[in-house]
All heavy atoms as atom14 arrays in JSON, in Angstrom:
{
  "sequence": "LPQVYQVPVLFADRRHADSLIGRVGHGFVHDGLAHAEVVQALLAAGE",
  "atom14_mask": [
    [1, 1, 1, 1, 1, 1, 1, 1, 0, 0, 0, 0, 0, 0],
    [1, 1, 1, 1, 1, 1, 1, 0, 0, 0, 0, 0, 0, 0],
    [1, 1, 1, 1, 1, 1, 1, 1, 1, 0, 0, 0, 0, 0],
    [1, 1, 1, 1, 1, 1, 1, 0, 0, 0, 0, 0, 0, 0],
    [1, 1, 1, 1, 1, 1, 1, 1, 1, 1, 1, 1, 0, 0],
    [1, 1, 1, 1, 1, 1, 1, 1, 1, 0, 0, 0, 0, 0],
    [1, 1, 1, 1, 1, 1, 1, 0, 0, 0, 0, 0, 0, 0],
    [1, 1, 1, 1, 1, 1, 1, 0, 0, 0, 0, 0, 0, 0],
    [1, 1, 1, 1, 1, 1, 1, 0, 0, 0, 0, 0, 0, 0],
    [1, 1, 1, 1, 1, 1, 1, 1, 0, 0, 0, 0, 0, 0],
    [1, 1, 1, 1, 1, 1, 1, 1, 1, 1, 1, 0, 0, 0],
    [1, 1, 1, 1, 1, 0, 0, 0, 0, 0, 0, 0, 0, 0],
    [1, 1, 1, 1, 1, 1, 1, 1, 0, 0, 0, 0, 0, 0],
    [1, 1, 1, 1, 1, 1, 1, 1, 1, 1, 1, 0, 0, 0],
    [1, 1, 1, 1, 1, 1, 1, 1, 1, 1, 1, 0, 0, 0],
    [1, 1, 1, 1, 1, 1, 1, 1, 1, 1, 0, 0, 0, 0],
    [1, 1, 1, 1, 1, 0, 0, 0, 0, 0, 0, 0, 0, 0],
    [1, 1, 1, 1, 1, 1, 1, 1, 0, 0, 0, 0, 0, 0],
    [1, 1, 1, 1, 1, 1, 0, 0, 0, 0, 0, 0, 0, 0],
    [1, 1, 1, 1, 1, 1, 1, 1, 0, 0, 0, 0, 0, 0],
    [1, 1, 1, 1, 1, 1, 1, 1, 0, 0, 0, 0, 0, 0],
    [1, 1, 1, 1, 0, 0, 0, 0, 0, 0, 0, 0, 0, 0],
    [1, 1, 1, 1, 1, 1, 1, 1, 1, 1, 1, 0, 0, 0],
    [1, 1, 1, 1, 1, 1, 1, 0, 0, 0, 0, 0, 0, 0],
    [1, 1, 1, 1, 0, 0, 0, 0, 0, 0, 0, 0, 0, 0],
    [1, 1, 1, 1, 1, 1, 1, 1, 1, 1, 0, 0, 0, 0],
    [1, 1, 1, 1, 0, 0, 0, 0, 0, 0, 0, 0, 0, 0],
    [1, 1, 1, 1, 1, 1, 1, 1, 1, 1, 1, 0, 0, 0],
    [1, 1, 1, 1, 1, 1, 1, 0, 0, 0, 0, 0, 0, 0],
    [1, 1, 1, 1, 1, 1, 1, 1, 1, 1, 0, 0, 0, 0],
    [1, 1, 1, 1, 1, 1, 1, 1, 0, 0, 0, 0, 0, 0],
    [1, 1, 1, 1, 0, 0, 0, 0, 0, 0, 0, 0, 0, 0],
    [1, 1, 1, 1, 1, 1, 1, 1, 0, 0, 0, 0, 0, 0],
    [1, 1, 1, 1, 1, 0, 0, 0, 0, 0, 0, 0, 0, 0],
    [1, 1, 1, 1, 1, 1, 1, 1, 1, 1, 0, 0, 0, 0],
    [1, 1, 1, 1, 1, 0, 0, 0, 0, 0, 0, 0, 0, 0],
    [1, 1, 1, 1, 1, 1, 1, 1, 1, 0, 0, 0, 0, 0],
    [1, 1, 1, 1, 1, 1, 1, 0, 0, 0, 0, 0, 0, 0],
    [1, 1, 1, 1, 1, 1, 1, 0, 0, 0, 0, 0, 0, 0],
    [1, 1, 1, 1, 1, 1, 1, 1, 1, 0, 0, 0, 0, 0],
    [1, 1, 1, 1, 1, 0, 0, 0, 0, 0, 0, 0, 0, 0],
    [1, 1, 1, 1, 1, 1, 1, 1, 0, 0, 0, 0, 0, 0],
    [1, 1, 1, 1, 1, 1, 1, 1, 0, 0, 0, 0, 0, 0],
    [1, 1, 1, 1, 1, 0, 0, 0, 0, 0, 0, 0, 0, 0],
    [1, 1, 1, 1, 1, 0, 0, 0, 0, 0, 0, 0, 0, 0],
    [1, 1, 1, 1, 0, 0, 0, 0, 0, 0, 0, 0, 0, 0],
    [1, 1, 1, 1, 1, 1, 1, 1, 1, 0, 0, 0, 0, 0]
  ],
  "atom14_positions": [
    [[-40.8, 330.01, 42.9], [-41.21, 330.85, 44.06], [-40.05, 330.65, 45.07], [-39.66, 329.47, 45.49], [-42.47, 330.43, 44.67], [-43.77, 330.73, 43.8], [-44.97, 330.13, 44.47], [-43.84, 332.18, 43.46], [0.0, 0.0, 0.0], [0.0, 0.0, 0.0], [0.0, 0.0, 0.0], [0.0, 0.0, 0.0], [0.0, 0.0, 0.0], [0.0, 0.0, 0.0]],
    [[-39.43, 331.7, 45.7], [-38.41, 331.55, 46.63], [-38.88, 331.13, 48.02], [-39.99, 331.57, 48.44], [-37.81, 333.06, 46.71], [-38.86, 333.91, 46.23], [-39.75, 333.1, 45.33], [0.0, 0.0, 0.0], [0.0, 0.0, 0.0], [0.0, 0.0, 0.0], [0.0, 0.0, 0.0], [0.0, 0.0, 0.0], [0.0, 0.0, 0.0], [0.0, 0.0, 0.0]],
    [[-38.16, 330.22, 48.65], [-38.47, 329.8, 50.03], [-37.2, 329.96, 50.83], [-36.05, 329.71, 50.39], [-38.96, 328.34, 50.02], [-40.24, 328.14, 49.38], [-40.78, 326.7, 49.47], [-39.93, 325.82, 49.96], [-41.94, 326.45, 49.1], [0.0, 0.0, 0.0], [0.0, 0.0, 0.0], [0.0, 0.0, 0.0], [0.0, 0.0, 0.0], [0.0, 0.0, 0.0]],
    [[-37.31, 330.4, 52.07], [-36.12, 330.63, 52.92], [-36.21, 329.7, 54.16], [-37.25, 329.68, 54.81], [-36.13, 332.13, 53.37], [-34.98, 332.44, 54.34], [-36.02, 333.11, 52.12], [0.0, 0.0, 0.0], [0.0, 0.0, 0.0], [0.0, 0.0, 0.0], [0.0, 0.0, 0.0], [0.0, 0.0, 0.0], [0.0, 0.0, 0.0], [0.0, 0.0, 0.0]],
    [[-35.17, 329.06, 54.38], [-34.97, 328.15, 55.6], [-33.82, 328.53, 56.41], [-32.85, 328.95, 56.04], [-34.96, 326.72, 55.05], [-36.14, 326.2, 54.34], [-36.2, 326.36, 52.93], [-37.08, 325.59, 54.94], [-37.42, 325.95, 52.26], [-38.22, 325.11, 54.38], [-38.33, 325.33, 52.97], [-39.54, 324.86, 52.33], [0.0, 0.0, 0.0], [0.0, 0.0, 0.0]],
    [[-33.94, 328.14, 57.74], [-32.76, 328.14, 58.72], [-32.33, 326.74, 58.91], [-33.18, 325.87, 59.23], [-33.11, 328.9, 59.95], [-34.07, 328.16, 60.89], [-33.95, 328.8, 62.37], [-32.91, 329.09, 62.84], [-35.13, 328.98, 62.91], [0.0, 0.0, 0.0], [0.0, 0.0, 0.0], [0.0, 0.0, 0.0], [0.0, 0.0, 0.0], [0.0, 0.0, 0.0]],
    [[-31.0, 326.55, 58.87], [-30.47, 325.25, 59.17], [-29.16, 325.49, 59.96], [-28.09, 325.61, 59.44], [-30.07, 324.51, 57.82], [-29.54, 323.07, 58.17], [-31.31, 324.39, 56.94], [0.0, 0.0, 0.0], [0.0, 0.0, 0.0], [0.0, 0.0, 0.0], [0.0, 0.0, 0.0], [0.0, 0.0, 0.0], [0.0, 0.0, 0.0], [0.0, 0.0, 0.0]],
    [[-29.24, 325.63, 61.26], [-28.12, 325.74, 62.11], [-27.35, 324.4, 61.96], [-27.9, 323.26, 61.9], [-28.68, 325.82, 63.49], [-30.04, 326.35, 63.38], [-30.56, 325.7, 62.03], [0.0, 0.0, 0.0], [0.0, 0.0, 0.0], [0.0, 0.0, 0.0], [0.0, 0.0, 0.0], [0.0, 0.0, 0.0], [0.0, 0.0, 0.0], [0.0, 0.0, 0.0]],
    [[-26.06, 324.49, 61.81], [-25.29, 323.21, 61.57], [-24.12, 323.06, 62.63], [-23.65, 324.1, 63.15], [-24.58, 323.3, 60.17], [-25.66, 323.22, 58.99], [-23.71, 324.47, 59.89], [0.0, 0.0, 0.0], [0.0, 0.0, 0.0], [0.0, 0.0, 0.0], [0.0, 0.0, 0.0], [0.0, 0.0, 0.0], [0.0, 0.0, 0.0], [0.0, 0.0, 0.0]],
    [[-23.79, 321.82, 62.87], [-22.69, 321.49, 63.71], [-21.55, 320.8, 62.82], [-21.94, 320.01, 62.01], [-23.14, 320.53, 64.75], [-21.93, 319.88, 65.65], [-21.51, 320.84, 66.67], [-22.39, 318.6, 66.16], [0.0, 0.0, 0.0], [0.0, 0.0, 0.0], [0.0, 0.0, 0.0], [0.0, 0.0, 0.0], [0.0, 0.0, 0.0], [0.0, 0.0, 0.0]],
    [[-20.33, 321.31, 62.93], [-19.2, 320.7, 62.19], [-18.46, 319.73, 63.28], [-18.25, 320.07, 64.38], [-18.23, 321.72, 61.81], [-18.79, 322.76, 60.85], [-18.54, 324.1, 61.01], [-19.58, 322.39, 59.77], [-19.11, 325.05, 60.11], [-20.23, 323.3, 58.88], [-19.84, 324.57, 58.99], [0.0, 0.0, 0.0], [0.0, 0.0, 0.0], [0.0, 0.0, 0.0]],
    [[-18.14, 318.62, 62.76], [-17.46, 317.62, 63.65], [-16.56, 316.74, 62.74], [-16.76, 316.66, 61.62], [-18.51, 316.77, 64.29], [0.0, 0.0, 0.0], [0.0, 0.0, 0.0], [0.0, 0.0, 0.0], [0.0, 0.0, 0.0], [0.0, 0.0, 0.0], [0.0, 0.0, 0.0], [0.0, 0.0, 0.0], [0.0, 0.0, 0.0], [0.0, 0.0, 0.0]],
    [[-15.61, 316.16, 63.39], [-14.63, 315.27, 62.8], [-15.01, 313.85, 62.83], [-14.41, 312.86, 62.41], [-13.17, 315.35, 63.36], [-13.1, 315.2, 64.78], [-14.17, 314.82, 65.44], [-12.11, 315.5, 65.44], [0.0, 0.0, 0.0], [0.0, 0.0, 0.0], [0.0, 0.0, 0.0], [0.0, 0.0, 0.0], [0.0, 0.0, 0.0], [0.0, 0.0, 0.0]],
    [[-16.28, 313.61, 63.56], [-16.77, 312.18, 63.47], [-18.35, 312.33, 63.07], [-18.87, 313.32, 63.3], [-16.55, 311.54, 64.88], [-17.31, 312.18, 65.96], [-16.83, 311.6, 67.33], [-17.56, 312.12, 68.48], [-18.67, 311.7, 68.96], [-19.25, 310.6, 68.45], [-19.28, 312.16, 70.02], [0.0, 0.0, 0.0], [0.0, 0.0, 0.0], [0.0, 0.0, 0.0]],
    [[-18.82, 311.09, 62.74], [-20.22, 311.14, 62.28], [-21.15, 310.81, 63.42], [-20.96, 309.89, 64.24], [-20.15, 309.93, 61.29], [-21.5, 309.74, 60.56], [-21.42, 308.53, 59.56], [-22.61, 308.29, 58.9], [-23.56, 307.4, 59.27], [-23.42, 306.8, 60.4], [-24.61, 307.32, 58.54], [0.0, 0.0, 0.0], [0.0, 0.0, 0.0], [0.0, 0.0, 0.0]],
    [[-22.15, 311.62, 63.49], [-23.33, 311.39, 64.4], [-24.51, 310.94, 63.54], [-25.06, 311.8, 62.83], [-23.77, 312.67, 65.15], [-22.57, 313.26, 66.04], [-22.28, 312.73, 67.23], [-21.69, 314.26, 65.8], [-21.18, 313.42, 67.78], [-20.9, 314.31, 66.85], [0.0, 0.0, 0.0], [0.0, 0.0, 0.0], [0.0, 0.0, 0.0], [0.0, 0.0, 0.0]],
    [[-24.86, 309.65, 63.66], [-25.81, 309.08, 62.59], [-27.25, 309.81, 62.68], [-27.91, 309.81, 61.8], [-25.92, 307.63, 62.82], [0.0, 0.0, 0.0], [0.0, 0.0, 0.0], [0.0, 0.0, 0.0], [0.0, 0.0, 0.0], [0.0, 0.0, 0.0], [0.0, 0.0, 0.0], [0.0, 0.0, 0.0], [0.0, 0.0, 0.0], [0.0, 0.0, 0.0]],
    [[-27.52, 310.09, 64.0], [-28.96, 310.7, 64.11], [-29.15, 312.16, 63.69], [-30.31, 312.63, 63.59], [-29.35, 310.58, 65.59], [-28.36, 311.28, 66.55], [-27.39, 311.63, 66.11], [-28.82, 311.56, 67.72], [0.0, 0.0, 0.0], [0.0, 0.0, 0.0], [0.0, 0.0, 0.0], [0.0, 0.0, 0.0], [0.0, 0.0, 0.0], [0.0, 0.0, 0.0]],
    [[-28.0, 312.78, 63.35], [-28.22, 314.23, 62.92], [-27.29, 314.48, 61.67], [-27.16, 315.69, 61.35], [-27.71, 315.12, 64.05], [-26.45, 314.92, 64.39], [0.0, 0.0, 0.0], [0.0, 0.0, 0.0], [0.0, 0.0, 0.0], [0.0, 0.0, 0.0], [0.0, 0.0, 0.0], [0.0, 0.0, 0.0], [0.0, 0.0, 0.0], [0.0, 0.0, 0.0]],
    [[-26.82, 313.49, 60.97], [-25.9, 313.69, 59.83], [-26.62, 314.39, 58.63], [-27.67, 313.9, 58.29], [-25.16, 312.42, 59.41], [-24.29, 312.51, 58.26], [-23.11, 313.19, 58.7], [-23.96, 311.01, 57.73], [0.0, 0.0, 0.0], [0.0, 0.0, 0.0], [0.0, 0.0, 0.0], [0.0, 0.0, 0.0], [0.0, 0.0, 0.0], [0.0, 0.0, 0.0]],
    [[-25.94, 315.43, 58.12], [-26.45, 316.05, 56.79], [-25.6, 315.49, 55.73], [-26.15, 315.13, 54.71], [-26.39, 317.57, 57.02], [-27.42, 318.09, 57.96], [-26.56, 318.23, 55.62], [-27.38, 319.57, 58.24], [0.0, 0.0, 0.0], [0.0, 0.0, 0.0], [0.0, 0.0, 0.0], [0.0, 0.0, 0.0], [0.0, 0.0, 0.0], [0.0, 0.0, 0.0]],
    [[-24.31, 315.5, 55.91], [-23.36, 315.14, 54.86], [-21.97, 315.25, 55.28], [-21.56, 315.74, 56.33], [0.0, 0.0, 0.0], [0.0, 0.0, 0.0], [0.0, 0.0, 0.0], [0.0, 0.0, 0.0], [0.0, 0.0, 0.0], [0.0, 0.0, 0.0], [0.0, 0.0, 0.0], [0.0, 0.0, 0.0], [0.0, 0.0, 0.0], [0.0, 0.0, 0.0]],
    [[-21.12, 314.66, 54.44], [-19.69, 314.68, 54.61], [-19.05, 315.61, 53.59], [-19.39, 315.65, 52.44], [-19.16, 313.27, 54.44], [-17.58, 313.25, 54.7], [-17.08, 311.91, 54.8], [-15.65, 311.75, 55.18], [-14.99, 310.6, 55.56], [-15.68, 309.48, 55.62], [-13.82, 310.7, 55.84], [0.0, 0.0, 0.0], [0.0, 0.0, 0.0], [0.0, 0.0, 0.0]],
    [[-18.05, 316.42, 54.12], [-17.29, 317.32, 53.22], [-15.85, 317.13, 53.58], [-15.36, 317.45, 54.67], [-17.68, 318.71, 53.51], [-16.85, 319.7, 52.52], [-19.14, 319.0, 53.2], [0.0, 0.0, 0.0], [0.0, 0.0, 0.0], [0.0, 0.0, 0.0], [0.0, 0.0, 0.0], [0.0, 0.0, 0.0], [0.0, 0.0, 0.0], [0.0, 0.0, 0.0]],
    [[-15.09, 316.62, 52.62], [-13.71, 316.32, 52.85], [-13.57, 315.19, 53.98], [-14.1, 314.22, 53.91], [0.0, 0.0, 0.0], [0.0, 0.0, 0.0], [0.0, 0.0, 0.0], [0.0, 0.0, 0.0], [0.0, 0.0, 0.0], [0.0, 0.0, 0.0], [0.0, 0.0, 0.0], [0.0, 0.0, 0.0], [0.0, 0.0, 0.0], [0.0, 0.0, 0.0]],
    [[-12.81, 315.64, 55.01], [-12.56, 314.77, 56.2], [-13.43, 315.01, 57.33], [-13.33, 314.42, 58.38], [-11.15, 314.75, 56.64], [-10.12, 314.4, 55.56], [-10.01, 313.05, 55.14], [-9.22, 315.13, 54.89], [-9.09, 312.99, 54.26], [-8.58, 314.2, 53.97], [0.0, 0.0, 0.0], [0.0, 0.0, 0.0], [0.0, 0.0, 0.0], [0.0, 0.0, 0.0]],
    [[-14.4, 315.95, 57.16], [-15.37, 316.36, 58.29], [-16.78, 316.03, 57.85], [-17.11, 315.66, 56.8], [0.0, 0.0, 0.0], [0.0, 0.0, 0.0], [0.0, 0.0, 0.0], [0.0, 0.0, 0.0], [0.0, 0.0, 0.0], [0.0, 0.0, 0.0], [0.0, 0.0, 0.0], [0.0, 0.0, 0.0], [0.0, 0.0, 0.0], [0.0, 0.0, 0.0]],
    [[-17.61, 316.21, 58.95], [-19.09, 315.95, 58.78], [-19.84, 317.2, 59.11], [-19.48, 317.93, 60.11], [-19.39, 314.7, 59.67], [-18.7, 313.56, 59.29], [-17.53, 313.17, 59.96], [-19.26, 312.67, 58.44], [-16.95, 311.97, 59.66], [-18.7, 311.43, 58.07], [-17.44, 311.04, 58.61], [0.0, 0.0, 0.0], [0.0, 0.0, 0.0], [0.0, 0.0, 0.0]],
    [[-20.98, 317.45, 58.48], [-21.86, 318.52, 58.71], [-23.15, 317.85, 59.26], [-23.72, 316.9, 58.75], [-22.23, 319.23, 57.49], [-23.2, 320.44, 57.78], [-20.91, 319.84, 56.8], [0.0, 0.0, 0.0], [0.0, 0.0, 0.0], [0.0, 0.0, 0.0], [0.0, 0.0, 0.0], [0.0, 0.0, 0.0], [0.0, 0.0, 0.0], [0.0, 0.0, 0.0]],
    [[-23.6, 318.35, 60.45], [-24.8, 317.83, 61.1], [-25.84, 318.85, 61.4], [-25.56, 320.14, 61.47], [-24.32, 317.14, 62.56], [-23.46, 316.13, 62.52], [-22.03, 316.22, 62.35], [-23.53, 314.68, 62.44], [-21.41, 315.15, 62.34], [-22.27, 314.15, 62.37], [0.0, 0.0, 0.0], [0.0, 0.0, 0.0], [0.0, 0.0, 0.0], [0.0, 0.0, 0.0]],
    [[-27.06, 318.5, 61.57], [-28.11, 319.3, 61.96], [-27.86, 319.86, 63.41], [-27.94, 319.07, 64.39], [-29.47, 318.51, 61.92], [-30.63, 319.38, 62.27], [-30.51, 320.74, 62.44], [-31.77, 318.91, 62.43], [0.0, 0.0, 0.0], [0.0, 0.0, 0.0], [0.0, 0.0, 0.0], [0.0, 0.0, 0.0], [0.0, 0.0, 0.0], [0.0, 0.0, 0.0]],
    [[-27.59, 321.14, 63.46], [-27.19, 321.67, 64.76], [-28.22, 321.64, 65.85], [-27.98, 321.71, 66.99], [0.0, 0.0, 0.0], [0.0, 0.0, 0.0], [0.0, 0.0, 0.0], [0.0, 0.0, 0.0], [0.0, 0.0, 0.0], [0.0, 0.0, 0.0], [0.0, 0.0, 0.0], [0.0, 0.0, 0.0], [0.0, 0.0, 0.0], [0.0, 0.0, 0.0]],
    [[-29.57, 321.64, 65.44], [-30.66, 321.59, 66.41], [-30.73, 320.39, 67.1], [-31.55, 320.26, 68.1], [-31.95, 322.05, 65.62], [-32.05, 323.38, 65.1], [-33.39, 323.63, 64.57], [-31.59, 324.43, 66.06], [0.0, 0.0, 0.0], [0.0, 0.0, 0.0], [0.0, 0.0, 0.0], [0.0, 0.0, 0.0], [0.0, 0.0, 0.0], [0.0, 0.0, 0.0]],
    [[-29.95, 319.31, 66.76], [-29.96, 318.12, 67.63], [-28.79, 318.17, 68.63], [-28.69, 317.11, 69.37], [-29.7, 316.86, 66.61], [0.0, 0.0, 0.0], [0.0, 0.0, 0.0], [0.0, 0.0, 0.0], [0.0, 0.0, 0.0], [0.0, 0.0, 0.0], [0.0, 0.0, 0.0], [0.0, 0.0, 0.0], [0.0, 0.0, 0.0], [0.0, 0.0, 0.0]],
    [[-28.09, 319.17, 68.67], [-27.03, 319.31, 69.64], [-27.05, 320.46, 70.58], [-27.3, 321.66, 70.12], [-25.67, 319.42, 68.8], [-25.51, 318.13, 67.9], [-24.78, 317.04, 68.43], [-25.85, 317.88, 66.69], [-24.73, 316.17, 67.42], [-25.45, 316.61, 66.39], [0.0, 0.0, 0.0], [0.0, 0.0, 0.0], [0.0, 0.0, 0.0], [0.0, 0.0, 0.0]],
    [[-26.85, 320.24, 71.81], [-27.13, 321.24, 72.83], [-26.15, 322.45, 72.66], [-26.63, 323.57, 72.91], [-26.89, 320.63, 74.28], [0.0, 0.0, 0.0], [0.0, 0.0, 0.0], [0.0, 0.0, 0.0], [0.0, 0.0, 0.0], [0.0, 0.0, 0.0], [0.0, 0.0, 0.0], [0.0, 0.0, 0.0], [0.0, 0.0, 0.0], [0.0, 0.0, 0.0]],
    [[-24.96, 322.23, 72.29], [-24.1, 323.38, 72.27], [-24.51, 324.47, 71.18], [-24.24, 325.54, 71.34], [-22.6, 322.84, 71.99], [-22.35, 322.17, 70.73], [-22.46, 320.61, 70.83], [-23.31, 320.18, 71.61], [-21.56, 319.87, 70.28], [0.0, 0.0, 0.0], [0.0, 0.0, 0.0], [0.0, 0.0, 0.0], [0.0, 0.0, 0.0], [0.0, 0.0, 0.0]],
    [[-25.08, 323.91, 70.13], [-25.54, 324.85, 69.04], [-26.75, 325.52, 69.54], [-26.91, 326.79, 69.35], [-25.8, 324.11, 67.71], [-26.35, 325.01, 66.74], [-24.38, 323.43, 67.19], [0.0, 0.0, 0.0], [0.0, 0.0, 0.0], [0.0, 0.0, 0.0], [0.0, 0.0, 0.0], [0.0, 0.0, 0.0], [0.0, 0.0, 0.0], [0.0, 0.0, 0.0]],
    [[-27.69, 324.85, 70.11], [-28.88, 325.52, 70.53], [-28.63, 326.45, 71.66], [-29.25, 327.71, 71.62], [-29.94, 324.43, 71.02], [-31.13, 325.05, 71.53], [-30.27, 323.46, 69.93], [0.0, 0.0, 0.0], [0.0, 0.0, 0.0], [0.0, 0.0, 0.0], [0.0, 0.0, 0.0], [0.0, 0.0, 0.0], [0.0, 0.0, 0.0], [0.0, 0.0, 0.0]],
    [[-27.72, 326.18, 72.56], [-27.38, 327.12, 73.7], [-26.78, 328.41, 73.1], [-26.93, 329.49, 73.56], [-26.46, 326.37, 74.6], [-27.12, 325.38, 75.47], [-26.18, 324.56, 76.39], [-25.03, 324.46, 76.18], [-26.65, 323.98, 77.43], [0.0, 0.0, 0.0], [0.0, 0.0, 0.0], [0.0, 0.0, 0.0], [0.0, 0.0, 0.0], [0.0, 0.0, 0.0]],
    [[-25.86, 328.23, 72.03], [-25.26, 329.31, 71.32], [-26.29, 330.25, 70.74], [-26.19, 331.49, 70.82], [-24.17, 328.81, 70.41], [0.0, 0.0, 0.0], [0.0, 0.0, 0.0], [0.0, 0.0, 0.0], [0.0, 0.0, 0.0], [0.0, 0.0, 0.0], [0.0, 0.0, 0.0], [0.0, 0.0, 0.0], [0.0, 0.0, 0.0], [0.0, 0.0, 0.0]],
    [[-27.35, 329.71, 70.19], [-28.47, 330.43, 69.5], [-29.16, 331.24, 70.59], [-29.44, 332.43, 70.42], [-29.34, 329.51, 68.72], [-28.86, 329.1, 67.44], [-29.64, 327.9, 66.89], [-28.8, 330.21, 66.36], [0.0, 0.0, 0.0], [0.0, 0.0, 0.0], [0.0, 0.0, 0.0], [0.0, 0.0, 0.0], [0.0, 0.0, 0.0], [0.0, 0.0, 0.0]],
    [[-29.31, 330.66, 71.73], [-30.11, 331.35, 72.85], [-29.29, 332.38, 73.48], [-29.85, 333.32, 74.18], [-30.63, 330.29, 73.88], [-31.64, 329.24, 73.33], [-32.12, 328.42, 74.5], [-32.75, 329.9, 72.62], [0.0, 0.0, 0.0], [0.0, 0.0, 0.0], [0.0, 0.0, 0.0], [0.0, 0.0, 0.0], [0.0, 0.0, 0.0], [0.0, 0.0, 0.0]],
    [[-27.96, 332.26, 73.31], [-27.02, 333.3, 73.86], [-26.68, 334.3, 72.81], [-25.71, 335.02, 72.95], [-25.78, 332.63, 74.5], [0.0, 0.0, 0.0], [0.0, 0.0, 0.0], [0.0, 0.0, 0.0], [0.0, 0.0, 0.0], [0.0, 0.0, 0.0], [0.0, 0.0, 0.0], [0.0, 0.0, 0.0], [0.0, 0.0, 0.0], [0.0, 0.0, 0.0]],
    [[-27.39, 334.42, 71.7], [-27.12, 335.22, 70.56], [-27.07, 336.67, 70.98], [-27.75, 337.14, 71.9], [-27.93, 334.89, 69.35], [0.0, 0.0, 0.0], [0.0, 0.0, 0.0], [0.0, 0.0, 0.0], [0.0, 0.0, 0.0], [0.0, 0.0, 0.0], [0.0, 0.0, 0.0], [0.0, 0.0, 0.0], [0.0, 0.0, 0.0], [0.0, 0.0, 0.0]],
    [[-26.27, 337.47, 70.08], [-26.3, 338.89, 70.19], [-25.06, 339.56, 69.9], [-25.14, 340.79, 69.57], [0.0, 0.0, 0.0], [0.0, 0.0, 0.0], [0.0, 0.0, 0.0], [0.0, 0.0, 0.0], [0.0, 0.0, 0.0], [0.0, 0.0, 0.0], [0.0, 0.0, 0.0], [0.0, 0.0, 0.0], [0.0, 0.0, 0.0], [0.0, 0.0, 0.0]],
    [[-23.97, 338.85, 69.92], [-22.77, 339.58, 69.73], [-21.79, 338.89, 68.65], [-20.62, 339.26, 68.48], [-21.95, 339.59, 71.03], [-22.66, 340.44, 72.13], [-21.8, 340.49, 73.31], [-20.69, 339.91, 73.45], [-22.24, 341.15, 74.38], [0.0, 0.0, 0.0], [0.0, 0.0, 0.0], [0.0, 0.0, 0.0], [0.0, 0.0, 0.0], [0.0, 0.0, 0.0]]
  ]
}
């Protein structure tokens, strides 16, 4: 059965332990909903 999820992500060159999803190459992928800049961008969506 298919399930659909939203996962806003933050890309960073340093590790945030409280929101880390994983490392890719020399960068880190984080849960974006733990970070204000990602949430604010979602609320300003449209363009």
